[in-house]
């Protein structure tokens, strides 16, 4: 493996459900006292072990708190879109036409969805990927009560029209229309606010999504650079801001590589983030998922402070996890 390989290429491959093992009680106790978030918030941090499992600690045991993750779910659609690009040899310059929507390049669609959380781009890519296929992927990743099916302006929509992807050389790949399907949450726990159409996630789920996608369908994808570019420049990246503040304030200037997808849902007054974090100095691979109640300003202060505290504990060897 060359020196130019990205850190996520060194992750172990997982063929099944990413297993979350509980961290030592000392790590969990330390995490509980590192920072404060508003009531109703949740946080899970997990380190990837050599066997591909994840050793997870939850802030005050909040990993199973259900919430609506808003645009954070677009990580999943982006990952599955990149996997399709790799499967069908579709470069970012390929043009995707979804039904009667305006055609656009895959580069524009993926980056618009990830960087600007563009809902039109999300809808087009999600229809291309497929609701039933996304549901099956989520179940295979161990997310038993999470679902990605909110189609903005038409939340009950679960089918897809025929899609055509045209490569720069003029050759085409045709994807047949997908019928509407009923995708139950498969859980006895009600989704947020009792809305049966809402996506119901936990911070543990978001960690599973990050691990499953980077260690599974897109780890070796030829188009992964496009996905990483989009995730590296998303707005509202409070975890990244906290880690940047930490590294700038230390004389040894340690480094972190962060891939991030945030979400902001004003009706609930809450923010969520899914992050892959690589500790450069120690070669550690982690996933950090957080859900923060409060205004955007409160979330920015709380989440970035939490990330700074977690990062400092990792660098000091106080939070050992795997």
C-alpha atoms as a PDB file:
ATOM      1  CA  UNK A   1       0.000   0.000   0.000  1.00  0.00           C
ATOM      2  CA  UNK A   2       1.550   3.293  -1.096  1.00  0.00           C
ATOM      3  CA  UNK A   3       2.085   6.316   1.097  1.00  0.00           C
ATOM      4  CA  UNK A   4      -0.550   8.121  -0.943  1.00  0.00           C
ATOM      5  CA  UNK A   5      -3.359   5.809   0.073  1.00  0.00           C
ATOM      6  CA  UNK A   6      -6.029   7.548   2.160  1.00  0.00           C
ATOM      7  CA  UNK A   7      -6.387   6.386   5.774  1.00  0.00           C
ATOM      8  CA  UNK A   8      -9.803   4.803   5.208  1.00  0.00           C
ATOM      9  CA  UNK A   9      -8.187   2.377   2.732  1.00  0.00           C
ATOM     10  CA  UNK A  10      -6.478   0.809   5.747  1.00  0.00           C
ATOM     11  CA  UNK A  11      -9.746  -0.014   7.487  1.00  0.00           C
ATOM     12  CA  UNK A  12     -10.529  -3.727   7.793  1.00  0.00           C
ATOM     13  CA  UNK A  13     -13.276  -4.956   5.500  1.00  0.00           C
ATOM     14  CA  UNK A  14     -16.579  -5.997   7.013  1.00  0.00           C
ATOM     15  CA  UNK A  15     -18.915  -8.343   5.180  1.00  0.00           C
ATOM     16  CA  UNK A  16     -21.761  -8.210   7.677  1.00  0.00           C
ATOM     17  CA  UNK A  17     -23.204  -6.145  10.480  1.00  0.00           C
ATOM     18  CA  UNK A  18     -20.584  -3.854  12.063  1.00  0.00           C
ATOM     19  CA  UNK A  19     -20.519  -5.150  15.633  1.00  0.00           C
ATOM     20  CA  UNK A  20     -20.520  -2.567  18.399  1.00  0.00           C
ATOM     21  CA  UNK A  21     -18.790  -3.836  21.528  1.00  0.00           C
ATOM     22  CA  UNK A  22     -19.136  -1.913  24.773  1.00  0.00           C
ATOM     23  CA  UNK A  23     -16.074   0.016  25.854  1.00  0.00           C
ATOM     24  CA  UNK A  24     -14.494  -0.519  29.243  1.00  0.00           C
ATOM     25  CA  UNK A  25     -16.538   0.884  32.098  1.00  0.00           C
ATOM     26  CA  UNK A  26     -13.700   3.315  32.820  1.00  0.00           C
ATOM     27  CA  UNK A  27     -13.946   4.746  29.295  1.00  0.00           C
ATOM     28  CA  UNK A  28     -17.708   5.110  29.572  1.00  0.00           C
ATOM     29  CA  UNK A  29     -17.397   6.816  32.939  1.00  0.00           C
ATOM     30  CA  UNK A  30     -14.760   9.183  31.554  1.00  0.00           C
ATOM     31  CA  UNK A  31     -16.919  10.069  28.549  1.00  0.00           C
ATOM     32  CA  UNK A  32     -19.876  10.829  30.824  1.00  0.00           C
ATOM     33  CA  UNK A  33     -17.937  13.573  32.575  1.00  0.00           C
ATOM     34  CA  UNK A  34     -15.988  15.115  29.682  1.00  0.00           C
ATOM     35  CA  UNK A  35     -18.559  17.617  28.411  1.00  0.00           C
ATOM     36  CA  UNK A  36     -22.146  18.794  28.662  1.00  0.00           C
ATOM     37  CA  UNK A  37     -24.893  18.721  26.039  1.00  0.00           C
ATOM     38  CA  UNK A  38     -28.533  19.792  26.457  1.00  0.00           C
ATOM     39  CA  UNK A  39     -31.063  17.278  27.759  1.00  0.00           C
ATOM     40  CA  UNK A  40     -32.288  14.981  25.000  1.00  0.00           C
ATOM     41  CA  UNK A  41     -28.942  14.999  23.194  1.00  0.00           C
ATOM     42  CA  UNK A  42     -26.955  11.858  22.377  1.00  0.00           C
ATOM     43  CA  UNK A  43     -23.395  10.892  21.445  1.00  0.00           C
ATOM     44  CA  UNK A  44     -21.596   7.683  20.475  1.00  0.00           C
ATOM     45  CA  UNK A  45     -17.861   7.405  19.832  1.00  0.00           C
ATOM     46  CA  UNK A  46     -16.431   4.133  18.572  1.00  0.00           C
ATOM     47  CA  UNK A  47     -12.950   2.995  17.579  1.00  0.00           C
ATOM     48  CA  UNK A  48     -12.393   0.379  14.895  1.00  0.00           C
ATOM     49  CA  UNK A  49     -10.609  -2.687  16.299  1.00  0.00           C
ATOM     50  CA  UNK A  50      -8.262  -4.885  14.281  1.00  0.00           C
ATOM     51  CA  UNK A  51     -10.984  -7.503  13.761  1.00  0.00           C
ATOM     52  CA  UNK A  52     -13.351  -4.945  12.232  1.00  0.00           C
ATOM     53  CA  UNK A  53     -15.560  -4.611  15.303  1.00  0.00           C
ATOM     54  CA  UNK A  54     -16.178  -1.232  16.907  1.00  0.00           C
ATOM     55  CA  UNK A  55     -15.562  -0.526  20.569  1.00  0.00           C
ATOM     56  CA  UNK A  56     -18.198   2.024  21.500  1.00  0.00           C
ATOM     57  CA  UNK A  57     -18.741   4.382  24.399  1.00  0.00           C
ATOM     58  CA  UNK A  58     -21.910   6.455  24.741  1.00  0.00           C
ATOM     59  CA  UNK A  59     -22.216   9.723  26.550  1.00  0.00           C
ATOM     60  CA  UNK A  60     -24.467   8.880  29.499  1.00  0.00           C
ATOM     61  CA  UNK A  61     -25.761   5.801  27.726  1.00  0.00           C
ATOM     62  CA  UNK A  62     -27.556   7.785  25.027  1.00  0.00           C
ATOM     63  CA  UNK A  63     -26.660   5.610  22.016  1.00  0.00           C
ATOM     64  CA  UNK A  64     -30.217   4.264  21.662  1.00  0.00           C
ATOM     65  CA  UNK A  65     -31.991   7.631  21.855  1.00  0.00           C
ATOM     66  CA  UNK A  66     -34.258   7.880  18.779  1.00  0.00           C
ATOM     67  CA  UNK A  67     -34.263  11.076  16.720  1.00  0.00           C
ATOM     68  CA  UNK A  68     -34.850  12.440  13.232  1.00  0.00           C
ATOM     69  CA  UNK A  69     -31.396  13.021  11.680  1.00  0.00           C
ATOM     70  CA  UNK A  70     -32.437  15.378   8.862  1.00  0.00           C
ATOM     71  CA  UNK A  71     -29.702  15.740   6.226  1.00  0.00           C
ATOM     72  CA  UNK A  72     -27.256  13.431   7.990  1.00  0.00           C
ATOM     73  CA  UNK A  73     -29.077  10.551   6.269  1.00  0.00           C
ATOM     74  CA  UNK A  74     -27.690  11.830   2.965  1.00  0.00           C
ATOM     75  CA  UNK A  75     -24.377  10.120   3.838  1.00  0.00           C
ATOM     76  CA  UNK A  76     -26.186   6.804   3.223  1.00  0.00           C
ATOM     77  CA  UNK A  77     -27.598   7.866  -0.151  1.00  0.00           C
ATOM     78  CA  UNK A  78     -24.214   9.243  -1.185  1.00  0.00           C
ATOM     79  CA  UNK A  79     -22.471   6.019  -0.203  1.00  0.00           C
ATOM     80  CA  UNK A  80     -24.901   3.823  -2.127  1.00  0.00           C
ATOM     81  CA  UNK A  81     -24.722   6.149  -5.151  1.00  0.00           C
ATOM     82  CA  UNK A  82     -20.924   5.906  -5.194  1.00  0.00           C
ATOM     83  CA  UNK A  83     -21.183   2.117  -4.903  1.00  0.00           C
ATOM     84  CA  UNK A  84     -23.468   2.091  -7.979  1.00  0.00           C
ATOM     85  CA  UNK A  85     -20.986   4.289  -9.834  1.00  0.00           C
ATOM     86  CA  UNK A  86     -18.257   1.782  -9.108  1.00  0.00           C
ATOM     87  CA  UNK A  87     -20.430  -1.232  -9.973  1.00  0.00           C
ATOM     88  CA  UNK A  88     -21.410   0.180 -13.384  1.00  0.00           C
ATOM     89  CA  UNK A  89     -18.127   1.961 -14.165  1.00  0.00           C
ATOM     90  CA  UNK A  90     -19.745   5.397 -14.132  1.00  0.00           C
ATOM     91  CA  UNK A  91     -17.301   8.304 -13.736  1.00  0.00           C
ATOM     92  CA  UNK A  92     -18.313  11.520 -11.954  1.00  0.00           C
ATOM     93  CA  UNK A  93     -18.727  13.124 -15.394  1.00  0.00           C
ATOM     94  CA  UNK A  94     -21.503  10.683 -16.310  1.00  0.00           C
ATOM     95  CA  UNK A  95     -24.905  12.368 -16.740  1.00  0.00           C
ATOM     96  CA  UNK A  96     -27.845  10.922 -14.783  1.00  0.00           C
ATOM     97  CA  UNK A  97     -31.425  11.432 -15.941  1.00  0.00           C
ATOM     98  CA  UNK A  98     -34.098  10.403 -13.427  1.00  0.00           C
ATOM     99  CA  UNK A  99     -37.576  10.363 -14.959  1.00  0.00           C
ATOM    100  CA  UNK A 100     -38.440  13.837 -16.197  1.00  0.00           C
ATOM    101  CA  UNK A 101     -36.066  15.632 -13.830  1.00  0.00           C
ATOM    102  CA  UNK A 102     -33.364  17.845 -15.387  1.00  0.00           C
ATOM    103  CA  UNK A 103     -30.299  15.698 -16.132  1.00  0.00           C
ATOM    104  CA  UNK A 104     -27.098  16.459 -14.227  1.00  0.00           C
ATOM    105  CA  UNK A 105     -23.656  14.960 -13.827  1.00  0.00           C
ATOM    106  CA  UNK A 106     -23.110  12.571 -10.953  1.00  0.00           C
ATOM    107  CA  UNK A 107     -20.396  14.916  -9.698  1.00  0.00           C
ATOM    108  CA  UNK A 108     -22.854  17.803  -9.421  1.00  0.00           C
ATOM    109  CA  UNK A 109     -25.561  15.666  -7.845  1.00  0.00           C
ATOM    110  CA  UNK A 110     -23.320  14.086  -5.203  1.00  0.00           C
ATOM    111  CA  UNK A 111     -21.489  17.281  -4.276  1.00  0.00           C
ATOM    112  CA  UNK A 112     -24.684  19.365  -4.214  1.00  0.00           C
ATOM    113  CA  UNK A 113     -26.307  16.803  -1.942  1.00  0.00           C
ATOM    114  CA  UNK A 114     -23.369  16.486   0.444  1.00  0.00           C
ATOM    115  CA  UNK A 115     -22.003  20.019   0.521  1.00  0.00           C
ATOM    116  CA  UNK A 116     -25.182  22.079   0.270  1.00  0.00           C
ATOM    117  CA  UNK A 117     -27.675  19.406   1.399  1.00  0.00           C
ATOM    118  CA  UNK A 118     -29.588  20.067  -1.809  1.00  0.00           C
ATOM    119  CA  UNK A 119     -32.912  18.231  -1.536  1.00  0.00           C
ATOM    120  CA  UNK A 120     -33.495  18.032  -5.296  1.00  0.00           C
ATOM    121  CA  UNK A 121     -30.124  16.307  -5.711  1.00  0.00           C
ATOM    122  CA  UNK A 122     -30.929  13.998  -2.813  1.00  0.00           C
ATOM    123  CA  UNK A 123     -34.293  13.069  -4.305  1.00  0.00           C
ATOM    124  CA  UNK A 124     -32.756  12.247  -7.691  1.00  0.00           C
ATOM    125  CA  UNK A 125     -29.971  10.113  -6.209  1.00  0.00           C
ATOM    126  CA  UNK A 126     -32.294   8.402  -3.744  1.00  0.00           C
ATOM    127  CA  UNK A 127     -34.698   7.472  -6.544  1.00  0.00           C
ATOM    128  CA  UNK A 128     -31.742   6.124  -8.532  1.00  0.00           C
ATOM    129  CA  UNK A 129     -30.452   4.092  -5.578  1.00  0.00           C
ATOM    130  CA  UNK A 130     -33.959   2.915  -4.604  1.00  0.00           C
ATOM    131  CA  UNK A 131     -35.939   2.943  -1.378  1.00  0.00           C
ATOM    132  CA  UNK A 132     -36.164  -0.837  -1.051  1.00  0.00           C
ATOM    133  CA  UNK A 133     -32.443  -1.192  -1.803  1.00  0.00           C
ATOM    134  CA  UNK A 134     -31.593   1.434   0.803  1.00  0.00           C
ATOM    135  CA  UNK A 135     -33.835  -0.294   3.335  1.00  0.00           C
ATOM    136  CA  UNK A 136     -32.093  -3.633   2.670  1.00  0.00           C
ATOM    137  CA  UNK A 137     -28.686  -2.009   3.055  1.00  0.00           C
ATOM    138  CA  UNK A 138     -29.644  -0.419   6.366  1.00  0.00           C
ATOM    139  CA  UNK A 139     -30.878  -3.757   7.706  1.00  0.00           C
ATOM    140  CA  UNK A 140     -27.666  -5.488   6.568  1.00  0.00           C
ATOM    141  CA  UNK A 141     -25.708  -2.863   8.521  1.00  0.00           C
ATOM    142  CA  UNK A 142     -27.603  -3.644  11.719  1.00  0.00           C
ATOM    143  CA  UNK A 143     -29.824  -0.541  11.702  1.00  0.00           C
ATOM    144  CA  UNK A 144     -33.024  -2.368  12.633  1.00  0.00           C
ATOM    145  CA  UNK A 145     -35.247   0.672  13.165  1.00  0.00           C
ATOM    146  CA  UNK A 146     -33.649   3.234  10.833  1.00  0.00           C
ATOM    147  CA  UNK A 147     -35.014   4.042   7.419  1.00  0.00           C
ATOM    148  CA  UNK A 148     -34.253   6.472   4.588  1.00  0.00           C
ATOM    149  CA  UNK A 149     -37.410   7.243   2.673  1.00  0.00           C
ATOM    150  CA  UNK A 150     -38.375  10.859   3.278  1.00  0.00           C
ATOM    151  CA  UNK A 151     -38.923  12.277  -0.169  1.00  0.00           C
ATOM    152  CA  UNK A 152     -39.117  16.009   0.410  1.00  0.00           C
ATOM    153  CA  UNK A 153     -42.508  17.481  -0.570  1.00  0.00           C
ATOM    154  CA  UNK A 154     -43.856  13.933  -0.972  1.00  0.00           C
ATOM    155  CA  UNK A 155     -42.780  11.875   2.048  1.00  0.00           C
ATOM    156  CA  UNK A 156     -44.808   8.799   1.105  1.00  0.00           C
ATOM    157  CA  UNK A 157     -43.061   8.370  -2.229  1.00  0.00           C
ATOM    158  CA  UNK A 158     -41.111   5.094  -2.324  1.00  0.00           C
ATOM    159  CA  UNK A 159     -40.984   4.191  -6.028  1.00  0.00           C
ATOM    160  CA  UNK A 160     -38.654   5.369  -8.782  1.00  0.00           C
ATOM    161  CA  UNK A 161     -39.034   6.126 -12.477  1.00  0.00           C
ATOM    162  CA  UNK A 162     -36.640   4.667 -15.020  1.00  0.00           C
ATOM    163  CA  UNK A 163     -33.158   6.208 -14.806  1.00  0.00           C
ATOM    164  CA  UNK A 164     -30.501   6.519 -17.497  1.00  0.00           C
ATOM    165  CA  UNK A 165     -26.809   7.158 -16.852  1.00  0.00           C
ATOM    166  CA  UNK A 166     -24.821   8.319 -19.893  1.00  0.00           C
ATOM    167  CA  UNK A 167     -21.017   8.032 -19.848  1.00  0.00           C
ATOM    168  CA  UNK A 168     -18.826  10.647 -21.558  1.00  0.00           C
ATOM    169  CA  UNK A 169     -18.219   8.218 -24.447  1.00  0.00           C
ATOM    170  CA  UNK A 170     -21.969   8.171 -25.153  1.00  0.00           C
ATOM    171  CA  UNK A 171     -22.671   4.670 -23.844  1.00  0.00           C
ATOM    172  CA  UNK A 172     -25.654   4.332 -21.535  1.00  0.00           C
ATOM    173  CA  UNK A 173     -26.745   2.272 -18.541  1.00  0.00           C
ATOM    174  CA  UNK A 174     -30.523   1.980 -18.148  1.00  0.00           C
ATOM    175  CA  UNK A 175     -32.030   1.329 -14.727  1.00  0.00           C
ATOM    176  CA  UNK A 176     -35.598   0.050 -14.741  1.00  0.00           C
ATOM    177  CA  UNK A 177     -38.382   1.795 -12.847  1.00  0.00           C
ATOM    178  CA  UNK A 178     -38.891   0.570  -9.285  1.00  0.00           C
ATOM    179  CA  UNK A 179     -42.419   0.010  -7.930  1.00  0.00           C
ATOM    180  CA  UNK A 180     -43.637   1.629  -4.749  1.00  0.00           C
ATOM    181  CA  UNK A 181     -43.026  -0.503  -1.683  1.00  0.00           C
ATOM    182  CA  UNK A 182     -44.017  -0.487   1.981  1.00  0.00           C
ATOM    183  CA  UNK A 183     -40.896  -0.179   4.112  1.00  0.00           C
ATOM    184  CA  UNK A 184     -41.911  -0.641   7.752  1.00  0.00           C
ATOM    185  CA  UNK A 185     -39.629   0.494  10.531  1.00  0.00           C
ATOM    186  CA  UNK A 186     -39.574  -3.064  11.937  1.00  0.00           C
ATOM    187  CA  UNK A 187     -39.575  -1.874  15.514  1.00  0.00           C
ATOM    188  CA  UNK A 188     -41.964  -1.537  18.421  1.00  0.00           C
ATOM    189  CA  UNK A 189     -40.394   1.805  19.284  1.00  0.00           C
ATOM    190  CA  UNK A 190     -42.298   4.754  17.808  1.00  0.00           C
ATOM    191  CA  UNK A 191     -40.419   7.126  15.473  1.00  0.00           C
ATOM    192  CA  UNK A 192     -39.789  10.724  16.567  1.00  0.00           C
ATOM    193  CA  UNK A 193     -42.932  12.769  17.254  1.00  0.00           C
ATOM    194  CA  UNK A 194     -45.078   9.751  16.425  1.00  0.00           C
ATOM    195  CA  UNK A 195     -44.675  10.464  12.708  1.00  0.00           C
ATOM    196  CA  UNK A 196     -44.629   7.082  10.889  1.00  0.00           C
ATOM    197  CA  UNK A 197     -42.966   8.679   7.864  1.00  0.00           C
ATOM    198  CA  UNK A 198     -40.025  10.080   9.824  1.00  0.00           C
ATOM    199  CA  UNK A 199     -36.559   8.550   9.720  1.00  0.00           C
ATOM    200  CA  UNK A 200     -35.845   7.087  13.152  1.00  0.00           C
ATOM    201  CA  UNK A 201     -32.116   6.843  13.916  1.00  0.00           C
ATOM    202  CA  UNK A 202     -29.852   6.572  16.942  1.00  0.00           C
ATOM    203  CA  UNK A 203     -26.242   7.696  17.295  1.00  0.00           C
ATOM    204  CA  UNK A 204     -25.321   3.989  17.389  1.00  0.00           C
ATOM    205  CA  UNK A 205     -27.096   3.645  14.010  1.00  0.00           C
ATOM    206  CA  UNK A 206     -25.098   6.510  12.536  1.00  0.00           C
ATOM    207  CA  UNK A 207     -21.855   4.877  13.709  1.00  0.00           C
ATOM    208  CA  UNK A 208     -22.951   1.618  12.035  1.00  0.00           C
ATOM    209  CA  UNK A 209     -23.730   3.491   8.815  1.00  0.00           C
ATOM    210  CA  UNK A 210     -20.321   5.153   8.755  1.00  0.00           C
ATOM    211  CA  UNK A 211     -18.469   1.934   9.509  1.00  0.00           C
ATOM    212  CA  UNK A 212     -20.478  -0.202   7.094  1.00  0.00           C
ATOM    213  CA  UNK A 213     -20.050   2.183   4.177  1.00  0.00           C
ATOM    214  CA  UNK A 214     -16.357   2.948   4.637  1.00  0.00           C
ATOM    215  CA  UNK A 215     -15.471  -0.671   5.475  1.00  0.00           C
ATOM    216  CA  UNK A 216     -17.867  -2.196   2.951  1.00  0.00           C
ATOM    217  CA  UNK A 217     -19.431  -0.963  -0.291  1.00  0.00           C
ATOM    218  CA  UNK A 218     -17.355   2.141  -0.930  1.00  0.00           C
ATOM    219  CA  UNK A 219     -13.977   1.410   0.651  1.00  0.00           C
ATOM    220  CA  UNK A 220     -12.418   0.464  -2.667  1.00  0.00           C
ATOM    221  CA  UNK A 221     -14.753   2.428  -4.941  1.00  0.00           C
ATOM    222  CA  UNK A 222     -13.009   4.156  -7.818  1.00  0.00           C
ATOM    223  CA  UNK A 223     -15.213   7.217  -7.302  1.00  0.00           C
ATOM    224  CA  UNK A 224     -14.606   7.456  -3.556  1.00  0.00           C
ATOM    225  CA  UNK A 225     -12.520  10.599  -3.971  1.00  0.00           C
ATOM    226  CA  UNK A 226     -15.680  12.404  -5.056  1.00  0.00           C
ATOM    227  CA  UNK A 227     -17.547  11.267  -1.949  1.00  0.00           C
ATOM    228  CA  UNK A 228     -14.656  12.232   0.342  1.00  0.00           C
ATOM    229  CA  UNK A 229     -14.379  15.650  -1.280  1.00  0.00           C
ATOM    230  CA  UNK A 230     -18.029  16.384  -0.608  1.00  0.00           C
ATOM    231  CA  UNK A 231     -17.915  15.195   2.972  1.00  0.00           C
ATOM    232  CA  UNK A 232     -14.721  17.094   3.691  1.00  0.00           C
ATOM    233  CA  UNK A 233     -16.274  20.454   2.864  1.00  0.00           C
ATOM    234  CA  UNK A 234     -19.769  20.248   4.298  1.00  0.00           C
ATOM    235  CA  UNK A 235     -21.003  23.313   6.136  1.00  0.00           C
ATOM    236  CA  UNK A 236     -21.962  23.243   9.805  1.00  0.00           C
ATOM    237  CA  UNK A 237     -19.177  20.762  10.671  1.00  0.00           C
ATOM    238  CA  UNK A 238     -19.055  21.354  14.404  1.00  0.00           C
ATOM    239  CA  UNK A 239     -17.033  18.230  15.221  1.00  0.00           C
ATOM    240  CA  UNK A 240     -14.358  19.274  12.754  1.00  0.00           C
ATOM    241  CA  UNK A 241     -14.314  22.780  14.233  1.00  0.00           C
ATOM    242  CA  UNK A 242     -13.739  21.414  17.728  1.00  0.00           C
ATOM    243  CA  UNK A 243     -10.888  19.169  16.603  1.00  0.00           C
ATOM    244  CA  UNK A 244      -9.319  22.040  14.668  1.00  0.00           C
ATOM    245  CA  UNK A 245      -9.405  24.206  17.790  1.00  0.00           C
ATOM    246  CA  UNK A 246      -7.787  21.384  19.770  1.00  0.00           C
ATOM    247  CA  UNK A 247      -4.931  20.796  17.317  1.00  0.00           C
ATOM    248  CA  UNK A 248      -4.216  24.504  16.852  1.00  0.00           C
ATOM    249  CA  UNK A 249      -3.873  24.934  20.610  1.00  0.00           C
ATOM    250  CA  UNK A 250      -1.281  22.199  21.125  1.00  0.00           C
ATOM    251  CA  UNK A 251       2.469  22.684  20.550  1.00  0.00           C
ATOM    252  CA  UNK A 252       2.788  19.267  18.885  1.00  0.00           C
ATOM    253  CA  UNK A 253       0.038  20.220  16.375  1.00  0.00           C
ATOM    254  CA  UNK A 254      -1.446  16.702  16.070  1.00  0.00           C
ATOM    255  CA  UNK A 255      -3.588  16.018  13.031  1.00  0.00           C
ATOM    256  CA  UNK A 256      -7.004  14.529  12.366  1.00  0.00           C
ATOM    257  CA  UNK A 257      -8.619  13.550   9.088  1.00  0.00           C
ATOM    258  CA  UNK A 258     -12.372  14.106   9.309  1.00  0.00           C
ATOM    259  CA  UNK A 259     -15.184  13.152   6.933  1.00  0.00           C
ATOM    260  CA  UNK A 260     -18.393  14.743   8.121  1.00  0.00           C
ATOM    261  CA  UNK A 261     -22.080  14.957   7.239  1.00  0.00           C
ATOM    262  CA  UNK A 262     -24.251  17.221   9.399  1.00  0.00           C
ATOM    263  CA  UNK A 263     -27.985  17.746   9.547  1.00  0.00           C
ATOM    264  CA  UNK A 264     -30.113  20.584  10.922  1.00  0.00           C
ATOM    265  CA  UNK A 265     -33.828  20.248  11.591  1.00  0.00           C
ATOM    266  CA  UNK A 266     -35.330  23.589  12.717  1.00  0.00           C
ATOM    267  CA  UNK A 267     -38.785  22.205  13.696  1.00  0.00           C
ATOM    268  CA  UNK A 268     -37.110  20.090  16.366  1.00  0.00           C
ATOM    269  CA  UNK A 269     -34.382  22.608  17.109  1.00  0.00           C
ATOM    270  CA  UNK A 270     -31.711  19.945  16.807  1.00  0.00           C
ATOM    271  CA  UNK A 271     -28.494  19.109  14.933  1.00  0.00           C
ATOM    272  CA  UNK A 272     -26.949  15.757  14.094  1.00  0.00           C
ATOM    273  CA  UNK A 273     -23.530  14.779  12.739  1.00  0.00           C
ATOM    274  CA  UNK A 274     -21.873  11.605  11.488  1.00  0.00           C
ATOM    275  CA  UNK A 275     -18.064  11.718  11.404  1.00  0.00           C
ATOM    276  CA  UNK A 276     -15.223   9.422  10.433  1.00  0.00           C
ATOM    277  CA  UNK A 277     -12.144  10.569  12.353  1.00  0.00           C
ATOM    278  CA  UNK A 278      -8.579   9.389  11.720  1.00  0.00           C
ATOM    279  CA  UNK A 279      -6.034  10.169  14.454  1.00  0.00           C
ATOM    280  CA  UNK A 280      -2.964  10.672  12.250  1.00  0.00           C
ATOM    281  CA  UNK A 281      -0.279  10.410  14.934  1.00  0.00           C
ATOM    282  CA  UNK A 282      -1.570   7.145  16.379  1.00  0.00           C
ATOM    283  CA  UNK A 283      -3.160   5.618  13.287  1.00  0.00           C
ATOM    284  CA  UNK A 284      -6.508   5.234  15.048  1.00  0.00           C
ATOM    285  CA  UNK A 285      -9.800   5.047  13.157  1.00  0.00           C
ATOM    286  CA  UNK A 286     -12.935   6.275  14.906  1.00  0.00           C
ATOM    287  CA  UNK A 287     -16.557   7.119  14.217  1.00  0.00           C
ATOM    288  CA  UNK A 288     -18.233   9.887  16.174  1.00  0.00           C
ATOM    289  CA  UNK A 289     -21.981  10.458  15.942  1.00  0.00           C
ATOM    290  CA  UNK A 290     -23.761  13.201  17.836  1.00  0.00           C
ATOM    291  CA  UNK A 291     -27.287  14.577  18.168  1.00  0.00           C
ATOM    292  CA  UNK A 292     -27.612  17.928  19.922  1.00  0.00           C
ATOM    293  CA  UNK A 293     -30.762  19.657  21.077  1.00  0.00           C
ATOM    294  CA  UNK A 294     -30.947  23.421  20.959  1.00  0.00           C
ATOM    295  CA  UNK A 295     -30.467  26.297  18.542  1.00  0.00           C
ATOM    296  CA  UNK A 296     -27.771  26.236  15.877  1.00  0.00           C
ATOM    297  CA  UNK A 297     -25.576  28.471  18.018  1.00  0.00           C
ATOM    298  CA  UNK A 298     -26.045  26.219  21.042  1.00  0.00           C
ATOM    299  CA  UNK A 299     -25.346  23.129  18.961  1.00  0.00           C
ATOM    300  CA  UNK A 300     -22.194  24.667  17.497  1.00  0.00           C
ATOM    301  CA  UNK A 301     -20.868  25.521  20.956  1.00  0.00           C
ATOM    302  CA  UNK A 302     -21.832  22.200  22.540  1.00  0.00           C
ATOM    303  CA  UNK A 303     -20.846  19.822  19.757  1.00  0.00           C
ATOM    304  CA  UNK A 304     -17.525  21.488  18.983  1.00  0.00           C
ATOM    305  CA  UNK A 305     -16.676  21.550  22.694  1.00  0.00           C
ATOM    306  CA  UNK A 306     -17.582  17.862  22.969  1.00  0.00           C
ATOM    307  CA  UNK A 307     -15.374  16.999  19.996  1.00  0.00           C
ATOM    308  CA  UNK A 308     -12.505  18.987  21.466  1.00  0.00           C
ATOM    309  CA  UNK A 309     -12.833  17.194  24.809  1.00  0.00           C
ATOM    310  CA  UNK A 310     -13.076  13.742  23.214  1.00  0.00           C
ATOM    311  CA  UNK A 311     -10.093  14.473  20.955  1.00  0.00           C
ATOM    312  CA  UNK A 312      -7.976  15.677  23.866  1.00  0.00           C
ATOM    313  CA  UNK A 313      -8.801  12.536  25.866  1.00  0.00           C
ATOM    314  CA  UNK A 314      -7.846  10.355  22.886  1.00  0.00           C
ATOM    315  CA  UNK A 315      -4.541  12.144  22.335  1.00  0.00           C
ATOM    316  CA  UNK A 316      -3.692  11.920  26.032  1.00  0.00           C
ATOM    317  CA  UNK A 317      -4.438   8.190  26.115  1.00  0.00           C
ATOM    318  CA  UNK A 318      -7.154   8.681  28.708  1.00  0.00           C
ATOM    319  CA  UNK A 319      -9.887   7.400  26.369  1.00  0.00           C
ATOM    320  CA  UNK A 320      -8.432   4.151  25.088  1.00  0.00           C
ATOM    321  CA  UNK A 321     -11.455   2.312  23.640  1.00  0.00           C
ATOM    322  CA  UNK A 322      -9.999  -0.414  21.318  1.00  0.00           C
END
